[in-house]
Amino acid sequence: MPQHVADIPPDGLPAYRLLTGPDDSAFCKRVSEALALGYRLYGSPAATFNGERVIVAQAVLWPGSDHAAG
């Protein structure tokens, strides 16, 4: 049975979030935690190299938010 997702994100979080950071397990954990809260991946991940390490970004979107239209 599917879990019910609230109309708005918990704890005052925004409907759209761009998670960024070094490409490491801590970043993966942050994305996984957002998914566990009910966010959905939005678009493809991005990666760049800052001269020292790979930096990644992943957008997440709360289901049913106005941003999902279009």
PDB file of N, CA and C in Angstrom:
ATOM      1  N   MET A   1       0.846  -1.174   0.000  1.00  0.00           N
ATOM      2  CA  MET A   1       0.000   0.000   0.000  1.00  0.00           C
ATOM      3  C   MET A   1       0.894   1.240   0.000  1.00  0.00           C
ATOM      4  N   PRO A   2       0.661   2.207  -0.919  1.00  0.00           N
ATOM      5  CA  PRO A   2       1.524   3.384  -0.981  1.00  0.00           C
ATOM      6  C   PRO A   2       1.382   4.255   0.255  1.00  0.00           C
ATOM      7  N   GLN A   3       2.506   4.859   0.630  1.00  0.00           N
ATOM      8  CA  GLN A   3       2.479   5.770   1.760  1.00  0.00           C
ATOM      9  C   GLN A   3       1.891   7.094   1.308  1.00  0.00           C
ATOM     10  N   HIS A   4       1.171   7.773   2.221  1.00  0.00           N
ATOM     11  CA  HIS A   4       0.619   9.093   1.929  1.00  0.00           C
ATOM     12  C   HIS A   4       1.712  10.133   2.128  1.00  0.00           C
ATOM     13  N   VAL A   5       1.868  11.009   1.145  1.00  0.00           N
ATOM     14  CA  VAL A   5       2.837  12.098   1.243  1.00  0.00           C
ATOM     15  C   VAL A   5       2.064  13.376   1.508  1.00  0.00           C
ATOM     16  N   ALA A   6       2.499  14.155   2.481  1.00  0.00           N
ATOM     17  CA  ALA A   6       1.838  15.400   2.830  1.00  0.00           C
ATOM     18  C   ALA A   6       1.870  16.365   1.649  1.00  0.00           C
ATOM     19  N   ASP A   7       0.935  17.318   1.663  1.00  0.00           N
ATOM     20  CA  ASP A   7       0.864  18.303   0.593  1.00  0.00           C
ATOM     21  C   ASP A   7       2.062  19.250   0.590  1.00  0.00           C
ATOM     22  N   ILE A   8       2.652  19.444   1.751  1.00  0.00           N
ATOM     23  CA  ILE A   8       3.810  20.331   1.848  1.00  0.00           C
ATOM     24  C   ILE A   8       4.962  19.578   2.508  1.00  0.00           C
ATOM     25  N   PRO A   9       6.192  19.968   2.190  1.00  0.00           N
ATOM     26  CA  PRO A   9       7.342  19.290   2.800  1.00  0.00           C
ATOM     27  C   PRO A   9       7.371  19.489   4.312  1.00  0.00           C
ATOM     28  N   PRO A  10       7.977  18.571   5.047  1.00  0.00           N
ATOM     29  CA  PRO A  10       8.057  18.675   6.497  1.00  0.00           C
ATOM     30  C   PRO A  10       9.073  19.730   6.948  1.00  0.00           C
ATOM     31  N   ASP A  11       8.952  20.129   8.184  1.00  0.00           N
ATOM     32  CA  ASP A  11       9.943  20.984   8.851  1.00  0.00           C
ATOM     33  C   ASP A  11      10.212  22.296   8.131  1.00  0.00           C
ATOM     34  N   GLY A  12       9.237  22.807   7.384  1.00  0.00           N
ATOM     35  CA  GLY A  12       9.410  24.074   6.701  1.00  0.00           C
ATOM     36  C   GLY A  12      10.363  24.036   5.522  1.00  0.00           C
ATOM     37  N   LEU A  13      10.709  22.847   5.050  1.00  0.00           N
ATOM     38  CA  LEU A  13      11.614  22.726   3.905  1.00  0.00           C
ATOM     39  C   LEU A  13      10.916  23.224   2.642  1.00  0.00           C
ATOM     40  N   PRO A  14      11.678  23.764   1.676  1.00  0.00           N
ATOM     41  CA  PRO A  14      11.070  24.233   0.432  1.00  0.00           C
ATOM     42  C   PRO A  14      10.663  23.068  -0.463  1.00  0.00           C
ATOM     43  N   ALA A  15       9.756  23.329  -1.394  1.00  0.00           N
ATOM     44  CA  ALA A  15       9.304  22.293  -2.319  1.00  0.00           C
ATOM     45  C   ALA A  15      10.417  21.888  -3.270  1.00  0.00           C
ATOM     46  N   TYR A  16      11.246  22.849  -3.661  1.00  0.00           N
ATOM     47  CA  TYR A  16      12.369  22.580  -4.556  1.00  0.00           C
ATOM     48  C   TYR A  16      13.655  22.745  -3.771  1.00  0.00           C
ATOM     49  N   ARG A  17      14.526  21.769  -3.891  1.00  0.00           N
ATOM     50  CA  ARG A  17      15.829  21.851  -3.218  1.00  0.00           C
ATOM     51  C   ARG A  17      16.913  21.419  -4.194  1.00  0.00           C
ATOM     52  N   LEU A  18      18.040  22.120  -4.160  1.00  0.00           N
ATOM     53  CA  LEU A  18      19.208  21.729  -4.934  1.00  0.00           C
ATOM     54  C   LEU A  18      20.274  21.316  -3.936  1.00  0.00           C
ATOM     55  N   LEU A  19      20.530  20.036  -3.875  1.00  0.00           N
ATOM     56  CA  LEU A  19      21.524  19.492  -2.959  1.00  0.00           C
ATOM     57  C   LEU A  19      22.872  19.489  -3.667  1.00  0.00           C
ATOM     58  N   THR A  20      23.895  20.015  -3.023  1.00  0.00           N
ATOM     59  CA  THR A  20      25.226  20.084  -3.622  1.00  0.00           C
ATOM     60  C   THR A  20      26.267  19.654  -2.605  1.00  0.00           C
ATOM     61  N   GLY A  21      27.416  19.246  -3.104  1.00  0.00           N
ATOM     62  CA  GLY A  21      28.513  18.902  -2.211  1.00  0.00           C
ATOM     63  C   GLY A  21      29.521  18.006  -2.888  1.00  0.00           C
ATOM     64  N   PRO A  22      30.575  17.663  -2.167  1.00  0.00           N
ATOM     65  CA  PRO A  22      31.567  16.730  -2.702  1.00  0.00           C
ATOM     66  C   PRO A  22      30.907  15.382  -3.016  1.00  0.00           C
ATOM     67  N   ASP A  23      31.408  14.712  -4.034  1.00  0.00           N
ATOM     68  CA  ASP A  23      30.880  13.402  -4.413  1.00  0.00           C
ATOM     69  C   ASP A  23      31.405  12.358  -3.433  1.00  0.00           C
ATOM     70  N   ASP A  24      30.680  12.216  -2.319  1.00  0.00           N
ATOM     71  CA  ASP A  24      31.092  11.271  -1.285  1.00  0.00           C
ATOM     72  C   ASP A  24      29.860  10.635  -0.658  1.00  0.00           C
ATOM     73  N   SER A  25      30.073   9.766   0.299  1.00  0.00           N
ATOM     74  CA  SER A  25      28.949   9.060   0.919  1.00  0.00           C
ATOM     75  C   SER A  25      28.032  10.008   1.682  1.00  0.00           C
ATOM     76  N   ALA A  26      28.558  11.100   2.214  1.00  0.00           N
ATOM     77  CA  ALA A  26      27.717  12.066   2.925  1.00  0.00           C
ATOM     78  C   ALA A  26      26.706  12.711   1.970  1.00  0.00           C
ATOM     79  N   PHE A  27      27.160  13.037   0.753  1.00  0.00           N
ATOM     80  CA  PHE A  27      26.237  13.597  -0.239  1.00  0.00           C
ATOM     81  C   PHE A  27      25.169  12.579  -0.598  1.00  0.00           C
ATOM     82  N   CYS A  28      25.570  11.349  -0.862  1.00  0.00           N
ATOM     83  CA  CYS A  28      24.609  10.293  -1.196  1.00  0.00           C
ATOM     84  C   CYS A  28      23.597  10.102  -0.069  1.00  0.00           C
ATOM     85  N   LYS A  29      24.051  10.197   1.165  1.00  0.00           N
ATOM     86  CA  LYS A  29      23.152  10.065   2.312  1.00  0.00           C
ATOM     87  C   LYS A  29      22.144  11.210   2.334  1.00  0.00           C
ATOM     88  N   ARG A  30      22.577  12.442   2.028  1.00  0.00           N
ATOM     89  CA  ARG A  30      21.652  13.585   2.006  1.00  0.00           C
ATOM     90  C   ARG A  30      20.570  13.403   0.948  1.00  0.00           C
ATOM     91  N   VAL A  31      20.956  12.928  -0.231  1.00  0.00           N
ATOM     92  CA  VAL A  31      19.970  12.673  -1.280  1.00  0.00           C
ATOM     93  C   VAL A  31      19.027  11.557  -0.841  1.00  0.00           C
ATOM     94  N   SER A  32      19.570  10.494  -0.271  1.00  0.00           N
ATOM     95  CA  SER A  32      18.746   9.374   0.198  1.00  0.00           C
ATOM     96  C   SER A  32      17.768   9.817   1.282  1.00  0.00           C
ATOM     97  N   GLU A  33      18.207  10.685   2.180  1.00  0.00           N
ATOM     98  CA  GLU A  33      17.324  11.199   3.231  1.00  0.00           C
ATOM     99  C   GLU A  33      16.191  12.031   2.635  1.00  0.00           C
ATOM    100  N   ALA A  34      16.491  12.839   1.625  1.00  0.00           N
ATOM    101  CA  ALA A  34      15.442  13.627   0.973  1.00  0.00           C
ATOM    102  C   ALA A  34      14.419  12.699   0.317  1.00  0.00           C
ATOM    103  N   LEU A  35      14.893  11.643  -0.335  1.00  0.00           N
ATOM    104  CA  LEU A  35      13.984  10.683  -0.957  1.00  0.00           C
ATOM    105  C   LEU A  35      13.134   9.981   0.094  1.00  0.00           C
ATOM    106  N   ALA A  36      13.722   9.648   1.229  1.00  0.00           N
ATOM    107  CA  ALA A  36      12.975   8.983   2.304  1.00  0.00           C
ATOM    108  C   ALA A  36      11.895   9.896   2.879  1.00  0.00           C
ATOM    109  N   LEU A  37      12.123  11.205   2.857  1.00  0.00           N
ATOM    110  CA  LEU A  37      11.113  12.161   3.335  1.00  0.00           C
ATOM    111  C   LEU A  37       9.928  12.254   2.382  1.00  0.00           C
ATOM    112  N   GLY A  38      10.148  11.902   1.117  1.00  0.00           N
ATOM    113  CA  GLY A  38       9.078  11.969   0.139  1.00  0.00           C
ATOM    114  C   GLY A  38       9.413  12.785  -1.100  1.00  0.00           C
ATOM    115  N   TYR A  39      10.580  13.427  -1.122  1.00  0.00           N
ATOM    116  CA  TYR A  39      11.005  14.160  -2.314  1.00  0.00           C
ATOM    117  C   TYR A  39      11.238  13.179  -3.456  1.00  0.00           C
ATOM    118  N   ARG A  40      11.181  13.694  -4.684  1.00  0.00           N
ATOM    119  CA  ARG A  40      11.475  12.912  -5.873  1.00  0.00           C
ATOM    120  C   ARG A  40      12.625  13.587  -6.614  1.00  0.00           C
ATOM    121  N   LEU A  41      13.457  12.786  -7.275  1.00  0.00           N
ATOM    122  CA  LEU A  41      14.535  13.361  -8.072  1.00  0.00           C
ATOM    123  C   LEU A  41      13.936  14.249  -9.148  1.00  0.00           C
ATOM    124  N   TYR A  42      14.595  15.378  -9.433  1.00  0.00           N
ATOM    125  CA  TYR A  42      14.133  16.316 -10.445  1.00  0.00           C
ATOM    126  C   TYR A  42      15.295  16.595 -11.385  1.00  0.00           C
ATOM    127  N   GLY A  43      15.221  16.061 -12.579  1.00  0.00           N
ATOM    128  CA  GLY A  43      16.298  16.239 -13.539  1.00  0.00           C
ATOM    129  C   GLY A  43      17.464  15.316 -13.252  1.00  0.00           C
ATOM    130  N   SER A  44      18.478  15.481 -14.065  1.00  0.00           N
ATOM    131  CA  SER A  44      19.673  14.657 -13.945  1.00  0.00           C
ATOM    132  C   SER A  44      20.662  15.278 -12.973  1.00  0.00           C
ATOM    133  N   PRO A  45      21.507  14.469 -12.372  1.00  0.00           N
ATOM    134  CA  PRO A  45      22.559  15.030 -11.519  1.00  0.00           C
ATOM    135  C   PRO A  45      23.587  15.764 -12.377  1.00  0.00           C
ATOM    136  N   ALA A  46      24.308  16.668 -11.752  1.00  0.00           N
ATOM    137  CA  ALA A  46      25.390  17.394 -12.420  1.00  0.00           C
ATOM    138  C   ALA A  46      26.663  17.186 -11.628  1.00  0.00           C
ATOM    139  N   ALA A  47      27.795  17.243 -12.327  1.00  0.00           N
ATOM    140  CA  ALA A  47      29.090  17.079 -11.667  1.00  0.00           C
ATOM    141  C   ALA A  47      30.101  18.029 -12.303  1.00  0.00           C
ATOM    142  N   THR A  48      31.009  18.523 -11.480  1.00  0.00           N
ATOM    143  CA  THR A  48      32.095  19.367 -11.954  1.00  0.00           C
ATOM    144  C   THR A  48      33.321  19.079 -11.099  1.00  0.00           C
ATOM    145  N   PHE A  49      34.442  19.522 -11.562  1.00  0.00           N
ATOM    146  CA  PHE A  49      35.692  19.351 -10.821  1.00  0.00           C
ATOM    147  C   PHE A  49      36.198  20.730 -10.429  1.00  0.00           C
ATOM    148  N   ASN A  50      36.455  20.941  -9.144  1.00  0.00           N
ATOM    149  CA  ASN A  50      36.868  22.260  -8.666  1.00  0.00           C
ATOM    150  C   ASN A  50      38.386  22.408  -8.534  1.00  0.00           C
ATOM    151  N   GLY A  51      39.137  21.500  -9.118  1.00  0.00           N
ATOM    152  CA  GLY A  51      40.583  21.530  -9.030  1.00  0.00           C
ATOM    153  C   GLY A  51      41.133  20.627  -7.942  1.00  0.00           C
ATOM    154  N   GLU A  52      40.264  20.219  -7.031  1.00  0.00           N
ATOM    155  CA  GLU A  52      40.656  19.317  -5.948  1.00  0.00           C
ATOM    156  C   GLU A  52      39.795  18.073  -5.888  1.00  0.00           C
ATOM    157  N   ARG A  53      38.507  18.237  -6.108  1.00  0.00           N
ATOM    158  CA  ARG A  53      37.575  17.114  -5.977  1.00  0.00           C
ATOM    159  C   ARG A  53      36.369  17.322  -6.878  1.00  0.00           C
ATOM    160  N   VAL A  54      35.620  16.250  -7.076  1.00  0.00           N
ATOM    161  CA  VAL A  54      34.387  16.308  -7.853  1.00  0.00           C
ATOM    162  C   VAL A  54      33.276  16.839  -6.947  1.00  0.00           C
ATOM    163  N   ILE A  55      32.561  17.845  -7.451  1.00  0.00           N
ATOM    164  CA  ILE A  55      31.419  18.432  -6.752  1.00  0.00           C
ATOM    165  C   ILE A  55      30.173  18.043  -7.547  1.00  0.00           C
ATOM    166  N   VAL A  56      29.147  17.575  -6.844  1.00  0.00           N
ATOM    167  CA  VAL A  56      27.929  17.109  -7.498  1.00  0.00           C
ATOM    168  C   VAL A  56      26.729  17.911  -7.031  1.00  0.00           C
ATOM    169  N   ALA A  57      25.687  17.863  -7.849  1.00  0.00           N
ATOM    170  CA  ALA A  57      24.426  18.531  -7.523  1.00  0.00           C
ATOM    171  C   ALA A  57      23.276  17.657  -7.983  1.00  0.00           C
ATOM    172  N   GLN A  58      22.225  17.631  -7.184  1.00  0.00           N
ATOM    173  CA  GLN A  58      21.005  16.915  -7.553  1.00  0.00           C
ATOM    174  C   GLN A  58      19.815  17.711  -7.051  1.00  0.00           C
ATOM    175  N   ALA A  59      18.909  18.037  -7.955  1.00  0.00           N
ATOM    176  CA  ALA A  59      17.680  18.717  -7.570  1.00  0.00           C
ATOM    177  C   ALA A  59      16.659  17.679  -7.130  1.00  0.00           C
ATOM    178  N   VAL A  60      15.882  18.040  -6.112  1.00  0.00           N
ATOM    179  CA  VAL A  60      14.766  17.209  -5.662  1.00  0.00           C
ATOM    180  C   VAL A  60      13.531  18.098  -5.566  1.00  0.00           C
ATOM    181  N   LEU A  61      12.373  17.508  -5.786  1.00  0.00           N
ATOM    182  CA  LEU A  61      11.114  18.246  -5.832  1.00  0.00           C
ATOM    183  C   LEU A  61      10.069  17.525  -5.008  1.00  0.00           C
ATOM    184  N   TRP A  62       9.315  18.275  -4.247  1.00  0.00           N
ATOM    185  CA  TRP A  62       8.239  17.696  -3.466  1.00  0.00           C
ATOM    186  C   TRP A  62       7.079  17.355  -4.404  1.00  0.00           C
ATOM    187  N   PRO A  63       6.518  16.144  -4.315  1.00  0.00           N
ATOM    188  CA  PRO A  63       5.416  15.755  -5.210  1.00  0.00           C
ATOM    189  C   PRO A  63       4.231  16.710  -5.095  1.00  0.00           C
ATOM    190  N   GLY A  64       3.663  17.051  -6.240  1.00  0.00           N
ATOM    191  CA  GLY A  64       2.477  17.901  -6.248  1.00  0.00           C
ATOM    192  C   GLY A  64       2.762  19.378  -6.168  1.00  0.00           C
ATOM    193  N   SER A  65       4.026  19.762  -6.095  1.00  0.00           N
ATOM    194  CA  SER A  65       4.334  21.192  -6.027  1.00  0.00           C
ATOM    195  C   SER A  65       4.079  21.831  -7.383  1.00  0.00           C
ATOM    196  N   ASP A  66       3.885  23.126  -7.398  1.00  0.00           N
ATOM    197  CA  ASP A  66       3.614  23.864  -8.626  1.00  0.00           C
ATOM    198  C   ASP A  66       4.762  23.757  -9.622  1.00  0.00           C
ATOM    199  N   HIS A  67       5.978  23.507  -9.142  1.00  0.00           N
ATOM    200  CA  HIS A  67       7.137  23.412 -10.020  1.00  0.00           C
ATOM    201  C   HIS A  67       7.034  22.214 -10.960  1.00  0.00           C
ATOM    202  N   ALA A  68       6.249  21.213 -10.581  1.00  0.00           N
ATOM    203  CA  ALA A  68       6.172  19.990 -11.379  1.00  0.00           C
ATOM    204  C   ALA A  68       5.389  20.182 -12.674  1.00  0.00           C
ATOM    205  N   ALA A  69       4.621  21.254 -12.772  1.00  0.00           N
ATOM    206  CA  ALA A  69       3.845  21.497 -13.992  1.00  0.00           C
ATOM    207  C   ALA A  69       4.775  21.904 -15.121  1.00  0.00           C
ATOM    208  N   GLY A  70       4.474  21.389 -16.314  1.00  0.00           N
ATOM    209  CA  GLY A  70       5.214  21.842 -17.484  1.00  0.00           C
ATOM    210  C   GLY A  70       6.306  21.004 -17.924  1.00  0.00           C
TER     211      GLY A  70
END
